[in-house]
């Protein structure tokens, strides 16, 4: 339990949640976009990829900011983890589960997203050492 309360644990769980989002996106690209939505124009595919790249880029930026112990990074990471856990996890389990692979990917998103959100929430509740940040020059 101490590992989940540590900043390394929160970052590791958040990275695992990001990996589950990448797995979900690979599944979407491989099966959903190519089979069910094959009639979409190439412009829609480009928009989907640009949007996904922006989401992953923002998630990585939040991971880096939280790794630097910036409060804004932790808050953004909490939002991303909740979106992964609730949106990709619960939402997809309720709406789209029809195969074992989907069940595995969506359950991984649910578990990692919620655990990461709890761990990041614990990081946000920890008091920050203001003197240390001022001494280093970050304050």
Protein backbone atom coordinates (compact mmCIF):
# COMPACT_ATOMS: atom_id res chain seq x y z
CA UNK A 1 0.00 0.00 0.00
CA UNK A 2 2.94 2.34 0.57
CA UNK A 3 3.95 1.98 -3.07
CA UNK A 4 0.59 3.31 -4.25
CA UNK A 5 1.00 6.31 -1.95
CA UNK A 6 4.43 7.14 -3.36
CA UNK A 7 4.87 9.46 -6.31
CA UNK A 8 6.69 6.69 -8.21
CA UNK A 9 3.76 4.37 -7.70
CA UNK A 10 1.30 6.98 -8.90
CA UNK A 11 3.42 7.67 -11.96
CA UNK A 12 3.84 3.96 -12.72
CA UNK A 13 0.09 3.35 -12.46
CA UNK A 14 -0.59 6.40 -14.62
CA UNK A 15 1.85 5.06 -17.22
CA UNK A 16 0.06 1.69 -17.09
CA UNK A 17 -3.23 3.50 -17.68
CA UNK A 18 -1.67 5.25 -20.68
CA UNK A 19 -0.53 1.87 -22.01
CA UNK A 20 -4.07 0.53 -21.66
CA UNK A 21 -5.29 3.56 -23.64
CA UNK A 22 -2.73 2.74 -26.34
CA UNK A 23 -3.95 -0.88 -26.39
CA UNK A 24 -7.52 0.33 -26.72
CA UNK A 25 -6.52 2.63 -29.58
CA UNK A 26 -4.63 -0.14 -31.36
CA UNK A 27 -7.76 -2.27 -31.10
CA UNK A 28 -9.86 0.60 -32.47
CA UNK A 29 -7.49 1.13 -35.38
CA UNK A 30 -7.13 -2.56 -36.17
CA UNK A 31 -10.74 -3.67 -35.91
CA UNK A 32 -13.18 -0.82 -35.47
CA UNK A 33 -11.91 1.73 -38.01
CA UNK A 34 -10.95 -0.84 -40.66
CA UNK A 35 -14.01 -3.08 -40.44
CA UNK A 36 -16.99 -1.24 -39.00
CA UNK A 37 -16.19 2.25 -40.22
CA UNK A 38 -14.42 1.40 -43.47
CA UNK A 39 -16.70 3.79 -45.37
CA UNK A 40 -15.19 6.83 -43.60
CA UNK A 41 -13.20 9.22 -45.72
CA UNK A 42 -9.41 9.47 -45.33
CA UNK A 43 -9.91 12.96 -43.91
CA UNK A 44 -11.85 11.50 -40.99
CA UNK A 45 -9.05 9.02 -40.36
CA UNK A 46 -6.54 11.86 -40.28
CA UNK A 47 -8.71 13.81 -37.84
CA UNK A 48 -9.02 10.72 -35.62
CA UNK A 49 -5.25 10.21 -35.60
CA UNK A 50 -4.55 13.89 -34.92
CA UNK A 51 -7.01 13.92 -32.04
CA UNK A 52 -5.56 10.77 -30.56
CA UNK A 53 -2.01 12.10 -30.93
CA UNK A 54 -3.02 15.27 -29.11
CA UNK A 55 -4.58 13.27 -26.26
CA UNK A 56 -1.54 11.02 -25.86
CA UNK A 57 0.81 14.01 -26.10
CA UNK A 58 -1.09 15.87 -23.40
CA UNK A 59 -1.07 12.75 -21.23
CA UNK A 60 2.70 12.38 -21.63
CA UNK A 61 3.16 16.09 -20.83
CA UNK A 62 1.07 15.61 -17.67
CA UNK A 63 3.21 12.59 -16.73
CA UNK A 64 6.38 14.64 -17.16
CA UNK A 65 4.99 17.58 -15.19
CA UNK A 66 3.83 15.28 -12.39
CA UNK A 67 7.25 13.61 -12.41
CA UNK A 68 8.69 17.08 -11.82
CA UNK A 69 6.21 17.35 -8.89
CA UNK A 70 4.13 20.14 -10.37
CA UNK A 71 0.62 20.35 -8.99
CA UNK A 72 -0.88 21.16 -12.40
CA UNK A 73 0.66 17.98 -13.78
CA UNK A 74 -0.93 15.91 -11.00
CA UNK A 75 -4.33 17.52 -11.62
CA UNK A 76 -4.12 16.89 -15.38
CA UNK A 77 -2.99 13.33 -14.70
CA UNK A 78 -5.98 12.80 -12.42
CA UNK A 79 -8.30 13.98 -15.19
CA UNK A 80 -6.69 11.68 -17.76
CA UNK A 81 -6.76 8.68 -15.42
CA UNK A 82 -10.42 9.23 -14.62
CA UNK A 83 -11.20 9.54 -18.33
CA UNK A 84 -9.32 6.32 -19.07
CA UNK A 85 -10.87 4.43 -16.18
CA UNK A 86 -14.42 5.67 -16.54
CA UNK A 87 -14.63 6.43 -20.26
CA UNK A 88 -12.49 3.70 -21.78
CA UNK A 89 -13.17 1.25 -18.98
CA UNK A 90 -16.73 1.41 -17.72
CA UNK A 91 -18.20 3.12 -20.78
CA UNK A 92 -16.72 0.62 -23.19
CA UNK A 93 -17.59 -2.37 -21.00
CA UNK A 94 -21.22 -1.28 -20.95
CA UNK A 95 -21.47 -0.40 -24.62
CA UNK A 96 -19.09 -2.44 -26.74
CA UNK A 97 -18.04 -5.73 -25.15
CA UNK A 98 -18.63 -8.59 -27.55
CA UNK A 99 -15.37 -10.56 -27.56
CA UNK A 100 -12.83 -11.79 -25.05
CA UNK A 101 -10.18 -9.41 -26.41
CA UNK A 102 -12.49 -6.43 -25.92
CA UNK A 103 -13.29 -7.60 -22.39
CA UNK A 104 -9.59 -7.91 -21.57
CA UNK A 105 -8.65 -4.48 -22.96
CA UNK A 106 -11.60 -2.65 -21.43
CA UNK A 107 -11.12 -4.30 -18.03
CA UNK A 108 -7.43 -3.35 -18.08
CA UNK A 109 -8.41 0.25 -18.82
CA UNK A 110 -10.92 0.21 -15.98
CA UNK A 111 -8.55 -1.24 -13.39
CA UNK A 112 -5.45 0.77 -14.30
CA UNK A 113 -7.38 4.01 -14.76
CA UNK A 114 -9.19 3.82 -11.42
CA UNK A 115 -6.09 2.66 -9.49
CA UNK A 116 -4.01 5.42 -11.08
CA UNK A 117 -6.69 8.01 -10.26
CA UNK A 118 -6.70 6.90 -6.62
CA UNK A 119 -2.91 7.03 -6.45
CA UNK A 120 -2.79 10.50 -8.04
CA UNK A 121 -5.56 11.66 -5.71
CA UNK A 122 -3.41 10.57 -2.79
CA UNK A 123 -0.54 12.60 -4.24
CA UNK A 124 -2.75 15.66 -4.45
CA UNK A 125 -3.73 15.27 -0.80
CA UNK A 126 -0.12 15.18 0.38
CA UNK A 127 1.13 18.50 1.73
CA UNK A 128 3.75 20.05 -0.51
CA UNK A 129 7.11 21.11 0.89
CA UNK A 130 7.01 24.80 -0.07
CA UNK A 131 10.41 25.59 1.43
CA UNK A 132 12.11 23.01 -0.75
CA UNK A 133 10.51 24.37 -3.93
CA UNK A 134 11.52 27.95 -3.08
CA UNK A 135 15.07 26.89 -2.25
CA UNK A 136 15.43 25.16 -5.61
CA UNK A 137 13.90 28.07 -7.46
CA UNK A 138 10.59 26.55 -8.53
CA UNK A 139 8.41 28.57 -6.18
